[in-house]
PDB file of N, CA and C in Angstrom:
ATOM      1  N   MET A   1      41.771  16.490 193.967  1.00  0.00           N
ATOM      2  CA  MET A   1      41.890  17.620 195.327  1.00  0.00           C
ATOM      3  C   MET A   1      40.711  17.587 195.619  1.00  0.00           C
ATOM      4  N   ASN A   2      40.273  16.968 196.955  1.00  0.00           N
ATOM      5  CA  ASN A   2      38.828  16.815 197.934  1.00  0.00           C
ATOM      6  C   ASN A   2      38.575  17.972 198.191  1.00  0.00           C
ATOM      7  N   THR A   3      37.655  18.737 197.620  1.00  0.00           N
ATOM      8  CA  THR A   3      37.546  20.151 198.275  1.00  0.00           C
ATOM      9  C   THR A   3      36.499  19.965 199.535  1.00  0.00           C
ATOM     10  N   ASN A   4      35.847  18.936 199.722  1.00  0.00           N
ATOM     11  CA  ASN A   4      35.046  18.404 200.926  1.00  0.00           C
ATOM     12  C   ASN A   4      35.796  18.410 201.942  1.00  0.00           C
ATOM     13  N   SER A   5      36.751  17.772 201.939  1.00  0.00           N
ATOM     14  CA  SER A   5      38.128  17.838 203.086  1.00  0.00           C
ATOM     15  C   SER A   5      38.398  18.877 203.731  1.00  0.00           C
ATOM     16  N   ASN A   6      38.946  19.838 202.505  1.00  0.00           N
ATOM     17  CA  ASN A   6      39.765  21.065 202.571  1.00  0.00           C
ATOM     18  C   ASN A   6      38.703  21.807 203.425  1.00  0.00           C
ATOM     19  N   LEU A   7      37.088  21.567 203.167  1.00  0.00           N
ATOM     20  CA  LEU A   7      36.382  22.729 203.763  1.00  0.00           C
ATOM     21  C   LEU A   7      36.166  22.412 205.236  1.00  0.00           C
ATOM     22  N   GLU A   8      36.434  21.124 205.243  1.00  0.00           N
ATOM     23  CA  GLU A   8      36.260  20.728 206.885  1.00  0.00           C
ATOM     24  C   GLU A   8      37.241  21.177 207.811  1.00  0.00           C
ATOM     25  N   PHE A   9      38.499  20.686 207.082  1.00  0.00           N
ATOM     26  CA  PHE A   9      39.676  21.247 207.738  1.00  0.00           C
ATOM     27  C   PHE A   9      39.481  22.726 207.813  1.00  0.00           C
ATOM     28  N   PHE A  10      39.172  23.320 206.925  1.00  0.00           N
ATOM     29  CA  PHE A  10      39.080  24.965 207.250  1.00  0.00           C
ATOM     30  C   PHE A  10      38.139  25.681 208.350  1.00  0.00           C
ATOM     31  N   GLU A  11      37.193  24.642 208.197  1.00  0.00           N
ATOM     32  CA  GLU A  11      36.250  25.332 209.438  1.00  0.00           C
ATOM     33  C   GLU A  11      36.708  24.706 211.026  1.00  0.00           C
ATOM     34  N   GLU A  12      37.470  23.554 210.988  1.00  0.00           N
ATOM     35  CA  GLU A  12      38.023  22.967 212.549  1.00  0.00           C
ATOM     36  C   GLU A  12      39.409  24.343 212.436  1.00  0.00           C
ATOM     37  N   GLN A  13      39.979  24.587 211.573  1.00  0.00           N
ATOM     38  CA  GLN A  13      40.495  25.582 211.923  1.00  0.00           C
ATOM     39  C   GLN A  13      39.883  27.311 212.277  1.00  0.00           C
ATOM     40  N   ILE A  14      39.030  27.584 211.974  1.00  0.00           N
ATOM     41  CA  ILE A  14      38.373  28.617 212.387  1.00  0.00           C
ATOM     42  C   ILE A  14      37.819  28.581 213.697  1.00  0.00           C
ATOM     43  N   SER A  15      37.248  27.339 214.228  1.00  0.00           N
ATOM     44  CA  SER A  15      36.454  27.119 215.303  1.00  0.00           C
ATOM     45  C   SER A  15      37.940  27.098 216.295  1.00  0.00           C
ATOM     46  N   TYR A  16      38.844  26.635 215.926  1.00  0.00           N
ATOM     47  CA  TYR A  16      40.367  26.321 216.844  1.00  0.00           C
ATOM     48  C   TYR A  16      40.884  27.719 217.125  1.00  0.00           C
ATOM     49  N   ASP A  17      40.706  28.567 216.643  1.00  0.00           N
ATOM     50  CA  ASP A  17      41.101  30.122 216.299  1.00  0.00           C
ATOM     51  C   ASP A  17      40.193  30.524 217.193  1.00  0.00           C
ATOM     52  N   LYS A  18      38.736  30.651 217.138  1.00  0.00           N
ATOM     53  CA  LYS A  18      37.889  31.255 218.048  1.00  0.00           C
ATOM     54  C   LYS A  18      38.042  30.696 219.485  1.00  0.00           C
ATOM     55  N   PHE A  19      38.146  29.415 219.510  1.00  0.00           N
ATOM     56  CA  PHE A  19      38.528  28.645 221.018  1.00  0.00           C
ATOM     57  C   PHE A  19      39.741  29.420 221.582  1.00  0.00           C
ATOM     58  N   ARG A  20      40.676  29.393 220.683  1.00  0.00           N
ATOM     59  CA  ARG A  20      41.995  30.411 221.251  1.00  0.00           C
ATOM     60  C   ARG A  20      41.901  31.630 221.808  1.00  0.00           C
ATOM     61  N   MET A  21      41.381  32.396 221.072  1.00  0.00           N
ATOM     62  CA  MET A  21      40.789  33.538 221.102  1.00  0.00           C
ATOM     63  C   MET A  21      39.931  33.738 222.498  1.00  0.00           C
ATOM     64  N   CYS A  22      38.950  33.323 222.422  1.00  0.00           N
ATOM     65  CA  CYS A  22      38.250  32.951 223.407  1.00  0.00           C
ATOM     66  C   CYS A  22      38.564  32.956 225.234  1.00  0.00           C
ATOM     67  N   LEU A  23      39.882  31.697 224.997  1.00  0.00           N
ATOM     68  CA  LEU A  23      40.488  31.196 225.977  1.00  0.00           C
ATOM     69  C   LEU A  23      41.605  32.495 226.281  1.00  0.00           C
ATOM     70  N   ALA A  24      42.055  33.273 225.123  1.00  0.00           N
ATOM     71  CA  ALA A  24      43.063  34.306 225.596  1.00  0.00           C
ATOM     72  C   ALA A  24      41.748  35.362 226.522  1.00  0.00           C
ATOM     73  N   ILE A  25      41.097  35.768 226.056  1.00  0.00           N
ATOM     74  CA  ILE A  25      40.205  36.798 226.702  1.00  0.00           C
ATOM     75  C   ILE A  25      39.891  35.885 228.316  1.00  0.00           C
ATOM     76  N   PHE A  26      39.360  35.143 228.196  1.00  0.00           N
ATOM     77  CA  PHE A  26      39.274  34.582 229.426  1.00  0.00           C
ATOM     78  C   PHE A  26      40.339  34.757 230.244  1.00  0.00           C
ATOM     79  N   GLU A  27      41.261  34.110 230.109  1.00  0.00           N
ATOM     80  CA  GLU A  27      42.458  34.393 231.214  1.00  0.00           C
ATOM     81  C   GLU A  27      42.526  35.751 231.126  1.00  0.00           C
ATOM     82  N   LYS A  28      42.511  36.978 230.257  1.00  0.00           N
ATOM     83  CA  LYS A  28      43.036  38.172 230.615  1.00  0.00           C
ATOM     84  C   LYS A  28      41.729  38.658 231.723  1.00  0.00           C
ATOM     85  N   GLU A  29      40.298  38.243 231.536  1.00  0.00           N
ATOM     86  CA  GLU A  29      39.302  38.719 232.613  1.00  0.00           C
ATOM     87  C   GLU A  29      39.966  38.205 234.142  1.00  0.00           C
ATOM     88  N   ASN A  30      40.487  36.744 233.685  1.00  0.00           N
ATOM     89  CA  ASN A  30      40.644  36.167 235.191  1.00  0.00           C
ATOM     90  C   ASN A  30      42.053  37.143 235.854  1.00  0.00           C
ATOM     91  N   VAL A  31      43.080  37.042 235.245  1.00  0.00           N
ATOM     92  CA  VAL A  31      44.150  38.249 235.584  1.00  0.00           C
ATOM     93  C   VAL A  31      43.486  39.339 236.255  1.00  0.00           C
ATOM     94  N   ALA A  32      42.898  40.038 235.041  1.00  0.00           N
ATOM     95  CA  ALA A  32      42.284  41.374 235.778  1.00  0.00           C
ATOM     96  C   ALA A  32      41.473  41.692 236.936  1.00  0.00           C
ATOM     97  N   SER A  33      40.951  40.345 237.624  1.00  0.00           N
ATOM     98  CA  SER A  33      39.974  40.177 238.318  1.00  0.00           C
ATOM     99  C   SER A  33      40.603  40.072 239.684  1.00  0.00           C
TER     100      SER A  33
END
């Protein structure tokens, strides 16, 4: 079990979740205006 690659995958998932969250907020702002 390679913990390093697991950590990298975990960090990728976090940044992807943040990206999706920002995208959702951006879309809400666009709809509101």
